Amino acid sequence: MKANRIYVVAAAAVLATAAMVGCKKKEETAPVAPVTAPAATVSVTSVDLGNAIGADSKVSATGTTFKPTDKVYASVSTSTSDMAATVPGTLGAKWYFGTTEIPNTAKESQINFNGTGNTAFDLSNATGMPAGKYKVDISLNGAVVSSKEFEVK
């Protein structure tokens, strides 16, 4: 009889252990955060220089050498990472004669960029520009993203 009791106690212990494991509360998993797409960005894709510009703000003939009486255009091409998104930003141009910034020529434009586009900046002097080496720095949101050198002869 004692042997039967040992079996009964052992069986009860096994059943109790199984019941405790079966009744264990399931661990909850944290909800997965939805993946959000990164915000659309804008970038400068090219900068072309020329002395004539079309209605689309693109230079009609690129060049790096100009006459003193020419108006020098910098056509800045931009593109947004999401063609359907509108990305606000600031596009700017600073003009230099040698290493010295030319006073009163820096310009900034607040733009709502959308897809691809072009923005033009220009430099001229009613009495003619002195011969020498020049440069234009193009900035996007305050950071210089392109520099183009040219010469007036």
Protein backbone atom coordinates (compact mmCIF):
# COMPACT_ATOMS: atom_id res chain seq x y z
CA MET A 1 0.00 0.00 0.00
CA LYS A 2 2.79 2.30 0.78
CA ALA A 3 4.08 1.87 -2.74
CA ASN A 4 0.71 2.94 -4.16
CA ARG A 5 0.76 6.02 -2.01
CA ILE A 6 4.19 7.01 -3.31
CA TYR A 7 2.92 6.64 -6.87
CA VAL A 8 -0.16 8.71 -6.07
CA VAL A 9 1.93 11.47 -4.44
CA ALA A 10 4.41 11.44 -7.35
CA ALA A 11 1.57 11.58 -9.89
CA ALA A 12 -0.04 14.45 -7.99
CA ALA A 13 3.26 16.33 -7.98
CA VAL A 14 3.67 15.85 -11.74
CA LEU A 15 0.09 16.99 -12.36
CA ALA A 16 0.54 20.04 -10.13
CA THR A 17 3.72 21.00 -11.93
CA ALA A 18 2.05 20.58 -15.33
CA ALA A 19 -0.91 22.63 -14.17
CA MET A 20 1.36 25.43 -13.01
CA VAL A 21 3.23 25.49 -16.31
CA GLY A 22 -0.03 25.41 -18.28
CA CYS A 23 -1.48 28.26 -16.23
CA LYS A 24 1.55 30.47 -16.67
CA LYS A 25 0.51 33.84 -18.05
CA LYS A 26 1.71 34.49 -21.59
CA GLU A 27 4.24 37.28 -21.84
CA GLU A 28 2.91 40.22 -23.77
CA THR A 29 4.97 41.42 -26.69
CA ALA A 30 5.44 45.12 -27.15
CA PRO A 31 3.51 46.51 -30.09
CA VAL A 32 5.69 47.13 -33.12
CA ALA A 33 5.98 50.80 -33.99
CA PRO A 34 4.93 51.54 -37.55
CA VAL A 35 7.78 52.27 -39.89
CA THR A 36 7.54 55.84 -41.10
CA ALA A 37 9.12 56.97 -44.31
CA PRO A 38 11.92 59.51 -43.92
CA ALA A 39 10.94 63.09 -44.58
CA ALA A 40 11.43 64.25 -48.15
CA THR A 41 14.60 66.23 -48.81
CA VAL A 42 15.82 68.58 -51.52
CA SER A 43 19.22 68.57 -53.18
CA VAL A 44 21.09 70.66 -55.74
CA THR A 45 21.74 68.43 -58.75
CA SER A 46 23.75 70.85 -60.91
CA VAL A 47 24.84 74.46 -61.37
CA ASP A 48 25.42 75.87 -64.85
CA LEU A 49 26.85 79.27 -65.77
CA GLY A 50 26.01 81.23 -68.92
CA ASN A 51 25.27 84.71 -70.30
CA ALA A 52 21.69 84.05 -71.47
CA ILE A 53 18.76 82.35 -69.78
CA GLY A 54 15.42 80.97 -70.88
CA ALA A 55 11.95 81.22 -69.34
CA ASP A 56 12.63 77.90 -67.57
CA SER A 57 15.56 79.51 -65.66
CA LYS A 58 18.09 77.34 -67.53
CA VAL A 59 21.10 78.89 -69.23
CA SER A 60 20.83 78.62 -73.00
CA ALA A 61 24.58 78.17 -73.55
CA THR A 62 26.95 77.26 -70.73
CA GLY A 63 30.33 78.89 -70.37
CA THR A 64 33.06 79.92 -67.94
CA THR A 65 34.49 82.93 -69.78
CA PHE A 66 32.53 86.18 -70.07
CA LYS A 67 32.91 89.75 -71.37
CA PRO A 68 32.88 92.66 -68.90
CA THR A 69 29.45 93.75 -70.21
CA ASP A 70 27.87 90.27 -69.92
CA LYS A 71 25.30 89.37 -67.32
CA VAL A 72 26.48 86.11 -65.75
CA TYR A 73 23.71 83.68 -64.80
CA ALA A 74 23.97 80.75 -62.42
CA SER A 75 21.16 78.27 -63.09
CA VAL A 76 20.68 75.96 -60.12
CA SER A 77 18.88 72.65 -60.75
CA THR A 78 17.19 71.03 -57.76
CA SER A 79 15.30 67.82 -57.07
CA THR A 80 13.25 66.50 -54.15
CA SER A 81 13.71 62.91 -52.92
CA ASP A 82 9.93 62.40 -53.18
CA MET A 83 8.64 63.91 -56.41
CA ALA A 84 5.15 64.35 -54.92
CA ALA A 85 6.36 66.12 -51.77
CA THR A 86 6.80 69.84 -51.22
CA VAL A 87 9.96 70.69 -49.30
CA PRO A 88 10.44 74.26 -48.04
CA GLY A 89 13.97 75.61 -48.14
CA THR A 90 16.33 78.48 -48.89
CA LEU A 91 18.54 78.64 -51.96
CA GLY A 92 21.27 81.29 -52.06
CA ALA A 93 24.13 82.65 -54.16
CA LYS A 94 27.23 84.63 -53.11
CA TRP A 95 29.46 86.11 -55.79
CA TYR A 96 33.22 86.67 -55.38
CA PHE A 97 35.86 88.61 -57.29
CA GLY A 98 39.01 86.64 -56.50
CA THR A 99 38.55 85.73 -52.85
CA THR A 100 36.59 88.86 -51.89
CA GLU A 101 32.81 88.74 -51.70
CA ILE A 102 31.25 91.30 -54.04
CA PRO A 103 29.12 93.64 -51.88
CA ASN A 104 25.34 93.70 -52.35
CA THR A 105 25.26 90.70 -54.70
CA ALA A 106 24.36 87.89 -52.28
CA LYS A 107 20.79 86.72 -52.77
CA GLU A 108 18.58 84.17 -51.05
CA SER A 109 15.25 82.80 -52.21
CA GLN A 110 12.69 81.06 -50.01
CA ILE A 111 11.33 78.23 -52.17
CA ASN A 112 8.79 75.45 -51.81
CA PHE A 113 10.66 72.80 -53.80
CA ASN A 114 8.56 70.18 -55.57
CA GLY A 115 10.04 67.56 -57.89
CA THR A 116 12.67 68.99 -60.22
CA GLY A 117 13.18 72.67 -60.92
CA ASN A 118 15.58 75.47 -61.74
CA THR A 119 16.35 78.76 -60.03
CA ALA A 120 18.49 81.50 -61.57
CA PHE A 121 20.81 84.02 -59.93
CA ASP A 122 22.73 86.69 -61.83
CA LEU A 123 25.69 89.03 -61.59
CA SER A 124 26.29 92.15 -63.68
CA ASN A 125 27.66 95.66 -63.42
CA ALA A 126 26.23 98.59 -65.40
CA THR A 127 29.74 99.95 -66.00
CA GLY A 128 31.22 96.52 -66.77
CA MET A 129 32.91 93.97 -64.57
CA PRO A 130 36.67 94.17 -64.13
CA ALA A 131 38.72 91.45 -65.81
CA GLY A 132 39.76 88.64 -63.51
CA LYS A 133 38.75 85.44 -61.82
CA TYR A 134 35.33 85.13 -60.16
CA LYS A 135 33.42 82.52 -58.20
CA VAL A 136 29.84 81.89 -57.14
CA ASP A 137 28.94 79.80 -54.07
CA ILE A 138 25.50 78.19 -54.12
CA SER A 139 23.99 77.36 -50.74
CA LEU A 140 21.02 75.25 -49.71
CA ASN A 141 19.54 76.01 -46.29
CA GLY A 142 22.68 77.96 -45.35
CA ALA A 143 25.26 75.32 -46.35
CA VAL A 144 27.42 75.77 -49.46
CA VAL A 145 26.65 72.86 -51.79
CA SER A 146 28.40 73.99 -54.99
CA SER A 147 31.04 76.47 -56.14
CA LYS A 148 31.65 77.49 -59.73
CA GLU A 149 34.61 79.51 -60.95
CA PHE A 150 34.58 81.70 -64.05
CA GLU A 151 36.60 84.45 -65.66
CA VAL A 152 35.88 87.86 -67.14
CA LYS A 153 38.20 88.87 -70.03
